[in-house]
Amino acid sequence: ARTGKIGDGKIFVTDVEKVIRIRT
């Protein structure tokens, strides 16, 4: 994603406590 110009963006990382697949 890097272009080297202003506005390339950000990445945020958070912990996930639980994931549930609705179908199964």
PDB file of all heavy atoms in Angstrom:
ATOM      1  N   ALA A   1       0.806  -1.228   0.000  1.00  0.00           N
ATOM      2  CA  ALA A   1       0.000   0.000   0.000  1.00  0.00           C
ATOM      3  C   ALA A   1       0.838   1.276   0.000  1.00  0.00           C
ATOM      4  O   ALA A   1       0.325   2.351  -0.299  1.00  0.00           O
ATOM      5  CB  ALA A   1      -0.938   0.005   1.213  1.00  0.00           C
ATOM      6  N   ARG A   2       2.112   1.182   0.301  1.00  0.00           N
ATOM      7  CA  ARG A   2       2.963   2.372   0.414  1.00  0.00           C
ATOM      8  C   ARG A   2       3.235   3.002  -0.940  1.00  0.00           C
ATOM      9  O   ARG A   2       3.644   2.341  -1.885  1.00  0.00           O
ATOM     10  CB  ARG A   2       4.288   2.007   1.077  1.00  0.00           C
ATOM     11  CG  ARG A   2       5.244   3.203   1.162  1.00  0.00           C
ATOM     12  CD  ARG A   2       6.570   2.835   1.764  1.00  0.00           C
ATOM     13  NE  ARG A   2       6.395   2.618   3.185  1.00  0.00           N
ATOM     14  CZ  ARG A   2       7.107   1.740   3.889  1.00  0.00           C
ATOM     15  NH1 ARG A   2       7.995   0.982   3.297  1.00  0.00           N
ATOM     16  NH2 ARG A   2       6.903   1.628   5.181  1.00  0.00           N
ATOM     17  N   THR A   3       2.972   4.318  -1.029  1.00  0.00           N
ATOM     18  CA  THR A   3       3.351   5.084  -2.218  1.00  0.00           C
ATOM     19  C   THR A   3       4.488   6.044  -1.884  1.00  0.00           C
ATOM     20  O   THR A   3       5.120   6.583  -2.776  1.00  0.00           O
ATOM     21  CB  THR A   3       2.163   5.915  -2.757  1.00  0.00           C
ATOM     22  OG1 THR A   3       1.831   6.927  -1.800  1.00  0.00           O
ATOM     23  CG2 THR A   3       0.966   5.049  -3.062  1.00  0.00           C
ATOM     24  N   GLY A   4       4.681   6.284  -0.591  1.00  0.00           N
ATOM     25  CA  GLY A   4       5.705   7.228  -0.159  1.00  0.00           C
ATOM     26  C   GLY A   4       5.192   8.653  -0.074  1.00  0.00           C
ATOM     27  O   GLY A   4       5.929   9.574   0.229  1.00  0.00           O
ATOM     28  N   LYS A   5       3.912   8.840  -0.346  1.00  0.00           N
ATOM     29  CA  LYS A   5       3.315  10.171  -0.307  1.00  0.00           C
ATOM     30  C   LYS A   5       2.376  10.267   0.892  1.00  0.00           C
ATOM     31  O   LYS A   5       1.891   9.264   1.411  1.00  0.00           O
ATOM     32  CB  LYS A   5       2.558  10.441  -1.601  1.00  0.00           C
ATOM     33  CG  LYS A   5       3.470  10.441  -2.814  1.00  0.00           C
ATOM     34  CD  LYS A   5       2.740  10.901  -4.050  1.00  0.00           C
ATOM     35  CE  LYS A   5       3.736  11.091  -5.167  1.00  0.00           C
ATOM     36  NZ  LYS A   5       3.687  10.076  -6.170  1.00  0.00           N
ATOM     37  N   ILE A   6       2.089  11.494   1.277  1.00  0.00           N
ATOM     38  CA  ILE A   6       1.196  11.725   2.402  1.00  0.00           C
ATOM     39  C   ILE A   6      -0.171  11.116   2.104  1.00  0.00           C
ATOM     40  O   ILE A   6      -0.626  11.123   0.961  1.00  0.00           O
ATOM     41  CB  ILE A   6       1.101  13.235   2.711  1.00  0.00           C
ATOM     42  CG1 ILE A   6       0.499  13.464   4.079  1.00  0.00           C
ATOM     43  CG2 ILE A   6       0.362  13.969   1.634  1.00  0.00           C
ATOM     44  CD1 ILE A   6       0.715  14.870   4.607  1.00  0.00           C
ATOM     45  N   GLY A   7      -0.803  10.544   3.115  1.00  0.00           N
ATOM     46  CA  GLY A   7      -2.124   9.968   2.944  1.00  0.00           C
ATOM     47  C   GLY A   7      -2.121   8.482   2.608  1.00  0.00           C
ATOM     48  O   GLY A   7      -3.149   7.930   2.224  1.00  0.00           O
ATOM     49  N   ASP A   8      -0.972   7.809   2.760  1.00  0.00           N
ATOM     50  CA  ASP A   8      -0.902   6.376   2.473  1.00  0.00           C
ATOM     51  C   ASP A   8      -1.781   5.558   3.411  1.00  0.00           C
ATOM     52  O   ASP A   8      -2.227   4.484   3.040  1.00  0.00           O
ATOM     53  CB  ASP A   8       0.536   5.867   2.569  1.00  0.00           C
ATOM     54  CG  ASP A   8       1.303   6.041   1.266  1.00  0.00           C
ATOM     55  OD1 ASP A   8       0.675   6.386   0.252  1.00  0.00           O
ATOM     56  OD2 ASP A   8       2.522   5.829   1.282  1.00  0.00           O
ATOM     57  N   GLY A   9      -2.045   6.050   4.607  1.00  0.00           N
ATOM     58  CA  GLY A   9      -2.981   5.374   5.500  1.00  0.00           C
ATOM     59  C   GLY A   9      -2.385   4.922   6.811  1.00  0.00           C
ATOM     60  O   GLY A   9      -1.271   5.286   7.176  1.00  0.00           O
ATOM     61  N   LYS A  10      -3.146   4.090   7.510  1.00  0.00           N
ATOM     62  CA  LYS A  10      -2.763   3.594   8.828  1.00  0.00           C
ATOM     63  C   LYS A  10      -3.222   2.153   8.972  1.00  0.00           C
ATOM     64  O   LYS A  10      -4.139   1.699   8.297  1.00  0.00           O
ATOM     65  CB  LYS A  10      -3.453   4.394   9.936  1.00  0.00           C
ATOM     66  CG  LYS A  10      -3.129   5.868   9.994  1.00  0.00           C
ATOM     67  CD  LYS A  10      -2.103   6.142  11.057  1.00  0.00           C
ATOM     68  CE  LYS A  10      -1.900   7.613  11.365  1.00  0.00           C
ATOM     69  NZ  LYS A  10      -1.750   8.515  10.300  1.00  0.00           N
ATOM     70  N   ILE A  11      -2.599   1.447   9.914  1.00  0.00           N
ATOM     71  CA  ILE A  11      -3.025   0.104  10.286  1.00  0.00           C
ATOM     72  C   ILE A  11      -3.248   0.098  11.792  1.00  0.00           C
ATOM     73  O   ILE A  11      -2.404   0.569  12.555  1.00  0.00           O
ATOM     74  CB  ILE A  11      -1.971  -0.956   9.909  1.00  0.00           C
ATOM     75  CG1 ILE A  11      -1.759  -0.980   8.400  1.00  0.00           C
ATOM     76  CG2 ILE A  11      -2.383  -2.333  10.428  1.00  0.00           C
ATOM     77  CD1 ILE A  11      -0.632  -1.890   7.956  1.00  0.00           C
ATOM     78  N   PHE A  12      -4.392  -0.447  12.209  1.00  0.00           N
ATOM     79  CA  PHE A  12      -4.715  -0.577  13.619  1.00  0.00           C
ATOM     80  C   PHE A  12      -4.868  -2.059  13.933  1.00  0.00           C
ATOM     81  O   PHE A  12      -5.519  -2.794  13.180  1.00  0.00           O
ATOM     82  CB  PHE A  12      -6.025   0.143  13.957  1.00  0.00           C
ATOM     83  CG  PHE A  12      -6.010   1.597  13.567  1.00  0.00           C
ATOM     84  CD1 PHE A  12      -6.557   2.004  12.357  1.00  0.00           C
ATOM     85  CD2 PHE A  12      -5.444   2.549  14.395  1.00  0.00           C
ATOM     86  CE1 PHE A  12      -6.548   3.336  11.987  1.00  0.00           C
ATOM     87  CE2 PHE A  12      -5.430   3.889  14.032  1.00  0.00           C
ATOM     88  CZ  PHE A  12      -5.986   4.287  12.833  1.00  0.00           C
ATOM     89  N   VAL A  13      -4.289  -2.509  15.037  1.00  0.00           N
ATOM     90  CA  VAL A  13      -4.361  -3.914  15.434  1.00  0.00           C
ATOM     91  C   VAL A  13      -4.975  -3.988  16.828  1.00  0.00           C
ATOM     92  O   VAL A  13      -4.540  -3.294  17.734  1.00  0.00           O
ATOM     93  CB  VAL A  13      -2.962  -4.569  15.439  1.00  0.00           C
ATOM     94  CG1 VAL A  13      -3.043  -6.014  15.907  1.00  0.00           C
ATOM     95  CG2 VAL A  13      -2.310  -4.476  14.070  1.00  0.00           C
ATOM     96  N   THR A  14      -5.998  -4.848  16.968  1.00  0.00           N
ATOM     97  CA  THR A  14      -6.640  -5.051  18.268  1.00  0.00           C
ATOM     98  C   THR A  14      -6.789  -6.544  18.529  1.00  0.00           C
ATOM     99  O   THR A  14      -6.790  -7.360  17.603  1.00  0.00           O
ATOM    100  CB  THR A  14      -8.027  -4.383  18.324  1.00  0.00           C
ATOM    101  OG1 THR A  14      -8.821  -4.854  17.231  1.00  0.00           O
ATOM    102  CG2 THR A  14      -7.927  -2.871  18.232  1.00  0.00           C
ATOM    103  N   ASP A  15      -6.938  -6.884  19.810  1.00  0.00           N
ATOM    104  CA  ASP A  15      -7.177  -8.279  20.195  1.00  0.00           C
ATOM    105  C   ASP A  15      -8.628  -8.644  19.935  1.00  0.00           C
ATOM    106  O   ASP A  15      -9.530  -7.824  20.106  1.00  0.00           O
ATOM    107  CB  ASP A  15      -6.874  -8.483  21.680  1.00  0.00           C
ATOM    108  CG  ASP A  15      -5.381  -8.443  21.975  1.00  0.00           C
ATOM    109  OD1 ASP A  15      -4.601  -8.956  21.151  1.00  0.00           O
ATOM    110  OD2 ASP A  15      -5.005  -7.903  23.033  1.00  0.00           O
ATOM    111  N   VAL A  16      -8.854  -9.893  19.554  1.00  0.00           N
ATOM    112  CA  VAL A  16     -10.202 -10.425  19.363  1.00  0.00           C
ATOM    113  C   VAL A  16     -10.408 -11.495  20.428  1.00  0.00           C
ATOM    114  O   VAL A  16      -9.652 -12.461  20.493  1.00  0.00           O
ATOM    115  CB  VAL A  16     -10.375 -11.017  17.951  1.00  0.00           C
ATOM    116  CG1 VAL A  16     -11.723 -11.700  17.815  1.00  0.00           C
ATOM    117  CG2 VAL A  16     -10.200  -9.934  16.900  1.00  0.00           C
ATOM    118  N   GLU A  17     -11.396 -11.309  21.260  1.00  0.00           N
ATOM    119  CA  GLU A  17     -11.657 -12.251  22.337  1.00  0.00           C
ATOM    120  C   GLU A  17     -12.361 -13.509  21.862  1.00  0.00           C
ATOM    121  O   GLU A  17     -12.085 -14.604  22.349  1.00  0.00           O
ATOM    122  CB  GLU A  17     -12.500 -11.587  23.426  1.00  0.00           C
ATOM    123  CG  GLU A  17     -11.753 -10.529  24.197  1.00  0.00           C
ATOM    124  CD  GLU A  17     -12.577  -9.958  25.328  1.00  0.00           C
ATOM    125  OE1 GLU A  17     -13.433 -10.698  25.880  1.00  0.00           O
ATOM    126  OE2 GLU A  17     -12.381  -8.787  25.653  1.00  0.00           O
ATOM    127  N   LYS A  18     -13.288 -13.358  20.934  1.00  0.00           N
ATOM    128  CA  LYS A  18     -14.076 -14.511  20.527  1.00  0.00           C
ATOM    129  C   LYS A  18     -14.553 -14.339  19.094  1.00  0.00           C
ATOM    130  O   LYS A  18     -14.916 -13.250  18.684  1.00  0.00           O
ATOM    131  CB  LYS A  18     -15.282 -14.640  21.461  1.00  0.00           C
ATOM    132  CG  LYS A  18     -16.059 -15.920  21.330  1.00  0.00           C
ATOM    133  CD  LYS A  18     -17.106 -16.013  22.450  1.00  0.00           C
ATOM    134  CE  LYS A  18     -17.734 -17.373  22.477  1.00  0.00           C
ATOM    135  NZ  LYS A  18     -18.634 -17.537  23.610  1.00  0.00           N
ATOM    136  N   VAL A  19     -14.571 -15.448  18.353  1.00  0.00           N
ATOM    137  CA  VAL A  19     -15.110 -15.473  17.000  1.00  0.00           C
ATOM    138  C   VAL A  19     -16.074 -16.653  16.915  1.00  0.00           C
ATOM    139  O   VAL A  19     -15.746 -17.754  17.353  1.00  0.00           O
ATOM    140  CB  VAL A  19     -14.002 -15.650  15.937  1.00  0.00           C
ATOM    141  CG1 VAL A  19     -14.600 -15.759  14.547  1.00  0.00           C
ATOM    142  CG2 VAL A  19     -13.012 -14.506  15.993  1.00  0.00           C
ATOM    143  N   ILE A  20     -17.251 -16.412  16.348  1.00  0.00           N
ATOM    144  CA  ILE A  20     -18.239 -17.473  16.170  1.00  0.00           C
ATOM    145  C   ILE A  20     -18.729 -17.437  14.729  1.00  0.00           C
ATOM    146  O   ILE A  20     -19.154 -16.390  14.241  1.00  0.00           O
ATOM    147  CB  ILE A  20     -19.446 -17.292  17.112  1.00  0.00           C
ATOM    148  CG1 ILE A  20     -18.988 -17.234  18.565  1.00  0.00           C
ATOM    149  CG2 ILE A  20     -20.478 -18.392  16.886  1.00  0.00           C
ATOM    150  CD1 ILE A  20     -20.060 -16.764  19.529  1.00  0.00           C
ATOM    151  N   ARG A  21     -18.642 -18.578  14.047  1.00  0.00           N
ATOM    152  CA  ARG A  21     -19.210 -18.682  12.699  1.00  0.00           C
ATOM    153  C   ARG A  21     -20.706 -18.939  12.866  1.00  0.00           C
ATOM    154  O   ARG A  21     -21.115 -19.939  13.467  1.00  0.00           O
ATOM    155  CB  ARG A  21     -18.566 -19.809  11.911  1.00  0.00           C
ATOM    156  CG  ARG A  21     -19.045 -19.869  10.466  1.00  0.00           C
ATOM    157  CD  ARG A  21     -18.460 -21.065   9.727  1.00  0.00           C
ATOM    158  NE  ARG A  21     -17.031 -21.157   9.918  1.00  0.00           N
ATOM    159  CZ  ARG A  21     -16.112 -20.841   9.002  1.00  0.00           C
ATOM    160  NH1 ARG A  21     -16.496 -20.416   7.825  1.00  0.00           N
ATOM    161  NH2 ARG A  21     -14.836 -20.970   9.266  1.00  0.00           N
ATOM    162  N   ILE A  22     -21.530 -18.047  12.365  1.00  0.00           N
ATOM    163  CA  ILE A  22     -22.976 -18.124  12.568  1.00  0.00           C
ATOM    164  C   ILE A  22     -23.561 -19.401  11.964  1.00  0.00           C
ATOM    165  O   ILE A  22     -24.387 -20.074  12.590  1.00  0.00           O
ATOM    166  CB  ILE A  22     -23.678 -16.871  11.996  1.00  0.00           C
ATOM    167  CG1 ILE A  22     -23.247 -15.640  12.807  1.00  0.00           C
ATOM    168  CG2 ILE A  22     -25.185 -17.030  11.994  1.00  0.00           C
ATOM    169  CD1 ILE A  22     -23.712 -14.321  12.234  1.00  0.00           C
ATOM    170  N   ARG A  23     -23.146 -19.759  10.766  1.00  0.00           N
ATOM    171  CA  ARG A  23     -23.732 -20.899  10.076  1.00  0.00           C
ATOM    172  C   ARG A  23     -23.551 -22.211  10.829  1.00  0.00           C
ATOM    173  O   ARG A  23     -24.474 -23.012  10.946  1.00  0.00           O
ATOM    174  CB  ARG A  23     -23.135 -21.027   8.670  1.00  0.00           C
ATOM    175  CG  ARG A  23     -23.649 -22.222   7.871  1.00  0.00           C
ATOM    176  CD  ARG A  23     -23.066 -22.266   6.464  1.00  0.00           C
ATOM    177  NE  ARG A  23     -21.622 -22.237   6.420  1.00  0.00           N
ATOM    178  CZ  ARG A  23     -20.840 -23.323   6.503  1.00  0.00           C
ATOM    179  NH1 ARG A  23     -21.364 -24.510   6.648  1.00  0.00           N
ATOM    180  NH2 ARG A  23     -19.530 -23.194   6.431  1.00  0.00           N
ATOM    181  N   THR A  24     -22.334 -22.446  11.379  1.00  0.00           N
ATOM    182  CA  THR A  24     -22.041 -23.743  11.992  1.00  0.00           C
ATOM    183  C   THR A  24     -21.939 -23.714  13.511  1.00  0.00           C
ATOM    184  O   THR A  24     -21.934 -24.753  14.148  1.00  0.00           O
ATOM    185  CB  THR A  24     -20.720 -24.294  11.451  1.00  0.00           C
ATOM    186  OG1 THR A  24     -19.661 -23.387  11.810  1.00  0.00           O
ATOM    187  CG2 THR A  24     -20.772 -24.490   9.953  1.00  0.00           C
TER     188      THR A  24
END
